Amino acid sequence: MTSRQLVALGAAIAGLSVAAGAFGAHALRARLEPGDLLVFETAARYQMYHGLALIAAGWVADRWPGPLASAAAWCFLLGVVLFSGSLYALTLSGVRMLGAITPLGGVAFLAGWACLALAALRADAT
């Protein structure tokens, strides 16, 4: 993906997290148990963080081109799908087994941050 595409994707994911947060706060407050509402809010919060991380990956890809910024972006995207997606699905469906997927998303997030750090550290000083 190009740096522009990463920034656009990050902005879209961050915007969707705002929508998800509003949906949880308004439409789901009366329908979910307080614990489930907290889980839904956690999903929206981590989605926002990693939408912003995708924007950062776009900046890093533009500033220090190389495969690590792209790898970070893919890890962040995978993390959003697995982590936030599994938490959204768990709270909306009540299928608790979906929580087993969530840690895989967390690992993807960690890998993304490691790739982003390495992209910056390995960049030629310019």
N, C-alpha and C. Protein backbone atom coordinates (compact mmCIF):
# COMPACT_ATOMS: atom_id res chain seq x y z
N MET A 1 0.83 -1.18 0.00
CA MET A 1 0.00 0.00 0.00
C MET A 1 0.88 1.25 0.00
N THR A 2 0.39 2.28 -0.64
CA THR A 2 1.13 3.54 -0.63
C THR A 2 0.89 4.26 0.70
N SER A 3 1.73 5.24 0.96
CA SER A 3 1.57 6.00 2.20
C SER A 3 0.22 6.71 2.23
N ARG A 4 -0.22 7.21 1.10
CA ARG A 4 -1.53 7.87 1.04
C ARG A 4 -2.66 6.90 1.35
N GLN A 5 -2.56 5.68 0.83
CA GLN A 5 -3.58 4.67 1.10
C GLN A 5 -3.59 4.29 2.57
N LEU A 6 -2.41 4.21 3.18
CA LEU A 6 -2.34 3.88 4.60
C LEU A 6 -2.99 4.97 5.45
N VAL A 7 -2.73 6.22 5.11
CA VAL A 7 -3.34 7.32 5.85
C VAL A 7 -4.85 7.30 5.67
N ALA A 8 -5.31 7.09 4.44
CA ALA A 8 -6.75 7.05 4.19
C ALA A 8 -7.40 5.88 4.92
N LEU A 9 -6.77 4.72 4.90
CA LEU A 9 -7.31 3.55 5.59
C LEU A 9 -7.33 3.80 7.10
N GLY A 10 -6.26 4.37 7.63
CA GLY A 10 -6.22 4.69 9.06
C GLY A 10 -7.32 5.65 9.45
N ALA A 11 -7.53 6.67 8.63
CA ALA A 11 -8.59 7.64 8.91
C ALA A 11 -9.96 6.97 8.87
N ALA A 12 -10.16 6.08 7.91
CA ALA A 12 -11.45 5.38 7.82
C ALA A 12 -11.67 4.49 9.04
N ILE A 13 -10.65 3.77 9.45
CA ILE A 13 -10.77 2.89 10.62
C ILE A 13 -11.01 3.71 11.89
N ALA A 14 -10.30 4.83 12.02
CA ALA A 14 -10.51 5.70 13.18
C ALA A 14 -11.93 6.27 13.17
N GLY A 15 -12.39 6.70 12.02
CA GLY A 15 -13.75 7.22 11.91
C GLY A 15 -14.80 6.18 12.26
N LEU A 16 -14.58 4.96 11.79
CA LEU A 16 -15.51 3.87 12.13
C LEU A 16 -15.49 3.57 13.63
N SER A 17 -14.35 3.77 14.27
CA SER A 17 -14.31 3.55 15.72
C SER A 17 -15.16 4.57 16.45
N VAL A 18 -15.19 5.80 15.94
CA VAL A 18 -16.06 6.82 16.54
C VAL A 18 -17.52 6.39 16.39
N ALA A 19 -17.87 5.91 15.21
CA ALA A 19 -19.23 5.43 14.97
C ALA A 19 -19.56 4.25 15.89
N ALA A 20 -18.62 3.33 16.03
CA ALA A 20 -18.85 2.17 16.90
C ALA A 20 -19.01 2.61 18.34
N GLY A 21 -18.18 3.54 18.78
CA GLY A 21 -18.30 4.04 20.15
C GLY A 21 -19.63 4.71 20.40
N ALA A 22 -20.09 5.50 19.44
CA ALA A 22 -21.39 6.16 19.58
C ALA A 22 -22.52 5.13 19.58
N PHE A 23 -22.41 4.13 18.72
CA PHE A 23 -23.40 3.06 18.67
C PHE A 23 -23.47 2.35 20.01
N GLY A 24 -22.29 2.03 20.56
CA GLY A 24 -22.26 1.36 21.86
C GLY A 24 -22.85 2.22 22.96
N ALA A 25 -22.51 3.50 22.96
CA ALA A 25 -22.97 4.40 24.02
C ALA A 25 -24.46 4.67 23.95
N HIS A 26 -25.01 4.70 22.76
CA HIS A 26 -26.41 5.09 22.62
C HIS A 26 -27.34 3.91 22.34
N ALA A 27 -27.03 3.13 21.33
CA ALA A 27 -27.94 2.05 20.92
C ALA A 27 -27.80 0.80 21.78
N LEU A 28 -26.62 0.56 22.32
CA LEU A 28 -26.41 -0.70 23.05
C LEU A 28 -26.49 -0.56 24.56
N ARG A 29 -26.48 0.64 25.06
CA ARG A 29 -26.46 0.85 26.52
C ARG A 29 -27.61 0.11 27.22
N ALA A 30 -28.77 0.14 26.63
CA ALA A 30 -29.93 -0.51 27.24
C ALA A 30 -30.00 -2.00 26.93
N ARG A 31 -29.21 -2.46 25.97
CA ARG A 31 -29.31 -3.86 25.52
C ARG A 31 -28.22 -4.76 26.06
N LEU A 32 -27.08 -4.18 26.43
CA LEU A 32 -25.95 -4.99 26.88
C LEU A 32 -25.76 -4.87 28.39
N GLU A 33 -25.25 -5.93 28.97
CA GLU A 33 -24.84 -5.89 30.37
C GLU A 33 -23.67 -4.91 30.49
N PRO A 34 -23.48 -4.29 31.65
CA PRO A 34 -22.37 -3.33 31.80
C PRO A 34 -21.01 -3.91 31.44
N GLY A 35 -20.76 -5.17 31.77
CA GLY A 35 -19.49 -5.80 31.43
C GLY A 35 -19.30 -5.93 29.92
N ASP A 36 -20.37 -6.30 29.24
CA ASP A 36 -20.30 -6.42 27.78
C ASP A 36 -20.13 -5.06 27.13
N LEU A 37 -20.75 -4.05 27.70
CA LEU A 37 -20.59 -2.70 27.17
C LEU A 37 -19.14 -2.24 27.31
N LEU A 38 -18.50 -2.60 28.41
CA LEU A 38 -17.08 -2.28 28.59
C LEU A 38 -16.22 -2.98 27.54
N VAL A 39 -16.54 -4.22 27.24
CA VAL A 39 -15.81 -4.97 26.21
C VAL A 39 -15.99 -4.30 24.86
N PHE A 40 -17.20 -3.88 24.54
CA PHE A 40 -17.47 -3.20 23.28
C PHE A 40 -16.68 -1.89 23.21
N GLU A 41 -16.65 -1.15 24.31
CA GLU A 41 -15.89 0.10 24.36
C GLU A 41 -14.39 -0.14 24.19
N THR A 42 -13.89 -1.23 24.75
CA THR A 42 -12.48 -1.59 24.58
C THR A 42 -12.18 -1.85 23.10
N ALA A 43 -13.08 -2.54 22.43
CA ALA A 43 -12.90 -2.80 21.00
C ALA A 43 -12.83 -1.50 20.21
N ALA A 44 -13.72 -0.56 20.51
CA ALA A 44 -13.73 0.72 19.80
C ALA A 44 -12.46 1.53 20.11
N ARG A 45 -12.02 1.50 21.36
CA ARG A 45 -10.82 2.24 21.75
C ARG A 45 -9.57 1.70 21.04
N TYR A 46 -9.41 0.39 21.03
CA TYR A 46 -8.24 -0.19 20.36
C TYR A 46 -8.32 -0.01 18.84
N GLN A 47 -9.52 0.01 18.31
CA GLN A 47 -9.68 0.30 16.89
C GLN A 47 -9.19 1.72 16.60
N MET A 48 -9.54 2.67 17.45
CA MET A 48 -9.08 4.05 17.27
C MET A 48 -7.56 4.14 17.35
N TYR A 49 -6.99 3.53 18.39
CA TYR A 49 -5.53 3.58 18.53
C TYR A 49 -4.85 3.08 17.27
N HIS A 50 -5.38 2.02 16.72
CA HIS A 50 -4.70 1.39 15.59
C HIS A 50 -5.08 2.00 14.25
N GLY A 51 -6.19 2.72 14.19
CA GLY A 51 -6.43 3.59 13.03
C GLY A 51 -5.37 4.68 12.99
N LEU A 52 -5.09 5.26 14.16
CA LEU A 52 -4.02 6.27 14.25
C LEU A 52 -2.65 5.65 13.96
N ALA A 53 -2.47 4.41 14.39
CA ALA A 53 -1.21 3.72 14.11
C ALA A 53 -1.02 3.52 12.60
N LEU A 54 -2.10 3.24 11.89
CA LEU A 54 -2.02 3.12 10.43
C LEU A 54 -1.61 4.45 9.79
N ILE A 55 -2.13 5.55 10.33
CA ILE A 55 -1.72 6.86 9.84
C ILE A 55 -0.23 7.06 10.09
N ALA A 56 0.23 6.66 11.27
CA ALA A 56 1.66 6.75 11.59
C ALA A 56 2.48 5.86 10.64
N ALA A 57 1.98 4.69 10.33
CA ALA A 57 2.68 3.79 9.41
C ALA A 57 2.78 4.43 8.02
N GLY A 58 1.73 5.13 7.62
CA GLY A 58 1.78 5.85 6.35
C GLY A 58 2.85 6.93 6.36
N TRP A 59 2.95 7.64 7.46
CA TRP A 59 3.99 8.67 7.59
C TRP A 59 5.38 8.04 7.55
N VAL A 60 5.56 6.94 8.30
CA VAL A 60 6.86 6.25 8.33
C VAL A 60 7.20 5.71 6.94
N ALA A 61 6.23 5.16 6.24
CA ALA A 61 6.46 4.62 4.89
C ALA A 61 6.90 5.72 3.94
N ASP A 62 6.38 6.92 4.13
CA ASP A 62 6.77 8.05 3.29
C ASP A 62 8.14 8.58 3.68
N ARG A 63 8.41 8.64 4.97
CA ARG A 63 9.67 9.20 5.49
C ARG A 63 10.83 8.24 5.31
N TRP A 64 10.62 6.98 5.63
CA TRP A 64 11.66 5.95 5.56
C TRP A 64 11.10 4.73 4.81
N PRO A 65 11.05 4.81 3.50
CA PRO A 65 10.47 3.70 2.72
C PRO A 65 11.17 2.37 3.00
N GLY A 66 10.39 1.34 2.96
CA GLY A 66 10.92 -0.01 3.17
C GLY A 66 9.80 -0.95 3.57
N PRO A 67 10.13 -2.22 3.64
CA PRO A 67 9.09 -3.22 3.89
C PRO A 67 8.55 -3.23 5.32
N LEU A 68 9.29 -2.70 6.28
CA LEU A 68 8.84 -2.78 7.67
C LEU A 68 7.62 -1.91 7.95
N ALA A 69 7.55 -0.74 7.35
CA ALA A 69 6.36 0.10 7.56
C ALA A 69 5.12 -0.57 6.98
N SER A 70 5.28 -1.20 5.83
CA SER A 70 4.17 -1.93 5.23
C SER A 70 3.76 -3.12 6.09
N ALA A 71 4.76 -3.83 6.62
CA ALA A 71 4.46 -4.96 7.50
C ALA A 71 3.72 -4.49 8.75
N ALA A 72 4.14 -3.35 9.30
CA ALA A 72 3.47 -2.79 10.47
C ALA A 72 2.01 -2.51 10.14
N ALA A 73 1.78 -1.91 8.99
CA ALA A 73 0.41 -1.56 8.59
C ALA A 73 -0.45 -2.81 8.48
N TRP A 74 0.06 -3.85 7.84
CA TRP A 74 -0.72 -5.07 7.70
C TRP A 74 -1.00 -5.70 9.06
N CYS A 75 -0.02 -5.64 9.97
CA CYS A 75 -0.23 -6.17 11.32
C CYS A 75 -1.31 -5.37 12.06
N PHE A 76 -1.27 -4.04 11.93
CA PHE A 76 -2.29 -3.22 12.57
C PHE A 76 -3.68 -3.53 12.02
N LEU A 77 -3.76 -3.67 10.71
CA LEU A 77 -5.05 -3.99 10.08
C LEU A 77 -5.56 -5.36 10.54
N LEU A 78 -4.68 -6.34 10.53
CA LEU A 78 -5.05 -7.68 11.01
C LEU A 78 -5.48 -7.63 12.47
N GLY A 79 -4.75 -6.85 13.26
CA GLY A 79 -5.09 -6.71 14.67
C GLY A 79 -6.47 -6.12 14.88
N VAL A 80 -6.81 -5.10 14.10
CA VAL A 80 -8.14 -4.49 14.22
C VAL A 80 -9.21 -5.53 13.91
N VAL A 81 -9.01 -6.28 12.84
CA VAL A 81 -10.00 -7.29 12.45
C VAL A 81 -10.14 -8.36 13.54
N LEU A 82 -9.00 -8.89 14.00
CA LEU A 82 -9.05 -9.98 14.97
C LEU A 82 -9.40 -9.52 16.38
N PHE A 83 -8.77 -8.45 16.84
CA PHE A 83 -9.00 -8.00 18.21
C PHE A 83 -10.35 -7.30 18.34
N SER A 84 -10.47 -6.18 17.67
CA SER A 84 -11.73 -5.42 17.79
C SER A 84 -12.89 -6.21 17.20
N GLY A 85 -12.68 -6.82 16.04
CA GLY A 85 -13.75 -7.58 15.40
C GLY A 85 -14.28 -8.70 16.27
N SER A 86 -13.37 -9.44 16.91
CA SER A 86 -13.83 -10.54 17.77
C SER A 86 -14.58 -10.01 18.98
N LEU A 87 -14.14 -8.88 19.54
CA LEU A 87 -14.84 -8.31 20.69
C LEU A 87 -16.21 -7.77 20.31
N TYR A 88 -16.30 -7.12 19.15
CA TYR A 88 -17.61 -6.67 18.68
C TYR A 88 -18.54 -7.87 18.50
N ALA A 89 -18.04 -8.89 17.81
CA ALA A 89 -18.86 -10.07 17.54
C ALA A 89 -19.26 -10.77 18.83
N LEU A 90 -18.34 -10.87 19.78
CA LEU A 90 -18.63 -11.51 21.06
C LEU A 90 -19.75 -10.79 21.79
N THR A 91 -19.67 -9.47 21.87
CA THR A 91 -20.68 -8.73 22.62
C THR A 91 -22.03 -8.72 21.91
N LEU A 92 -22.02 -8.66 20.60
CA LEU A 92 -23.28 -8.59 19.86
C LEU A 92 -23.96 -9.95 19.72
N SER A 93 -23.16 -11.01 19.67
CA SER A 93 -23.73 -12.35 19.47
C SER A 93 -23.88 -13.14 20.76
N GLY A 94 -23.08 -12.81 21.76
CA GLY A 94 -23.09 -13.58 22.99
C GLY A 94 -22.30 -14.87 22.91
N VAL A 95 -21.64 -15.11 21.78
CA VAL A 95 -20.83 -16.33 21.60
C VAL A 95 -19.47 -16.08 22.25
N ARG A 96 -19.30 -16.59 23.46
CA ARG A 96 -18.09 -16.33 24.25
C ARG A 96 -16.83 -16.95 23.66
N MET A 97 -16.98 -18.00 22.87
CA MET A 97 -15.81 -18.64 22.26
C MET A 97 -15.04 -17.68 21.34
N LEU A 98 -15.71 -16.66 20.85
CA LEU A 98 -15.04 -15.69 19.99
C LEU A 98 -13.91 -14.97 20.72
N GLY A 99 -13.98 -14.96 22.05
CA GLY A 99 -12.92 -14.35 22.84
C GLY A 99 -11.58 -15.04 22.67
N ALA A 100 -11.59 -16.26 22.17
CA ALA A 100 -10.33 -16.99 21.94
C ALA A 100 -9.54 -16.39 20.77
N ILE A 101 -10.21 -15.65 19.91
CA ILE A 101 -9.55 -15.01 18.76
C ILE A 101 -8.85 -13.72 19.17
N THR A 102 -9.37 -13.06 20.19
CA THR A 102 -8.90 -11.74 20.59
C THR A 102 -7.40 -11.68 20.83
N PRO A 103 -6.78 -12.63 21.55
CA PRO A 103 -5.33 -12.53 21.78
C PRO A 103 -4.50 -12.56 20.49
N LEU A 104 -5.03 -13.21 19.45
CA LEU A 104 -4.30 -13.22 18.18
C LEU A 104 -4.21 -11.80 17.62
N GLY A 105 -5.28 -11.04 17.80
CA GLY A 105 -5.26 -9.65 17.39
C GLY A 105 -4.27 -8.85 18.22
N GLY A 106 -4.20 -9.14 19.50
CA GLY A 106 -3.23 -8.47 20.36
C GLY A 106 -1.81 -8.74 19.93
N VAL A 107 -1.53 -9.98 19.54
CA VAL A 107 -0.19 -10.33 19.04
C VAL A 107 0.09 -9.57 17.74
N ALA A 108 -0.90 -9.46 16.87
CA ALA A 108 -0.72 -8.70 15.63
C ALA A 108 -0.41 -7.23 15.94
N PHE A 109 -1.11 -6.65 16.92
CA PHE A 109 -0.82 -5.27 17.32
C PHE A 109 0.63 -5.14 17.79
N LEU A 110 1.07 -6.06 18.65
CA LEU A 110 2.44 -6.01 19.15
C LEU A 110 3.46 -6.14 18.02
N ALA A 111 3.19 -7.04 17.10
CA ALA A 111 4.08 -7.21 15.95
C ALA A 111 4.12 -5.93 15.11
N GLY A 112 2.99 -5.28 14.95
CA GLY A 112 2.94 -4.04 14.19
C GLY A 112 3.78 -2.95 14.83
N TRP A 113 3.66 -2.82 16.15
CA TRP A 113 4.47 -1.80 16.84
C TRP A 113 5.96 -2.13 16.75
N ALA A 114 6.30 -3.40 16.84
CA ALA A 114 7.71 -3.80 16.70
C ALA A 114 8.23 -3.47 15.30
N CYS A 115 7.44 -3.76 14.28
CA CYS A 115 7.84 -3.44 12.90
C CYS A 115 7.99 -1.93 12.71
N LEU A 116 7.09 -1.16 13.29
CA LEU A 116 7.17 0.29 13.15
C LEU A 116 8.44 0.83 13.83
N ALA A 117 8.75 0.31 15.00
CA ALA A 117 9.96 0.71 15.70
C ALA A 117 11.20 0.34 14.90
N LEU A 118 11.23 -0.86 14.36
CA LEU A 118 12.38 -1.29 13.55
C LEU A 118 12.50 -0.46 12.27
N ALA A 119 11.39 -0.09 11.69
CA ALA A 119 11.42 0.75 10.49
C ALA A 119 12.12 2.07 10.78
N ALA A 120 11.84 2.63 11.94
CA ALA A 120 12.47 3.90 12.32
C ALA A 120 13.95 3.69 12.66
N LEU A 121 14.26 2.63 13.38
CA LEU A 121 15.64 2.39 13.82
C LEU A 121 16.57 2.00 12.66
N ARG A 122 16.04 1.30 11.70
CA ARG A 122 16.87 0.85 10.57
C ARG A 122 16.97 1.87 9.45
N ALA A 123 16.22 2.94 9.54
CA ALA A 123 16.24 3.96 8.49
C ALA A 123 17.61 4.63 8.45
N ASP A 124 18.03 4.92 7.25
CA ASP A 124 19.28 5.68 7.10
C ASP A 124 19.07 7.07 7.67
N ALA A 125 20.04 7.56 8.39
CA ALA A 125 19.97 8.92 8.92
C ALA A 125 20.09 9.89 7.75
N THR A 126 19.04 10.69 7.56
CA THR A 126 19.06 11.65 6.46
C THR A 126 18.74 13.03 6.97
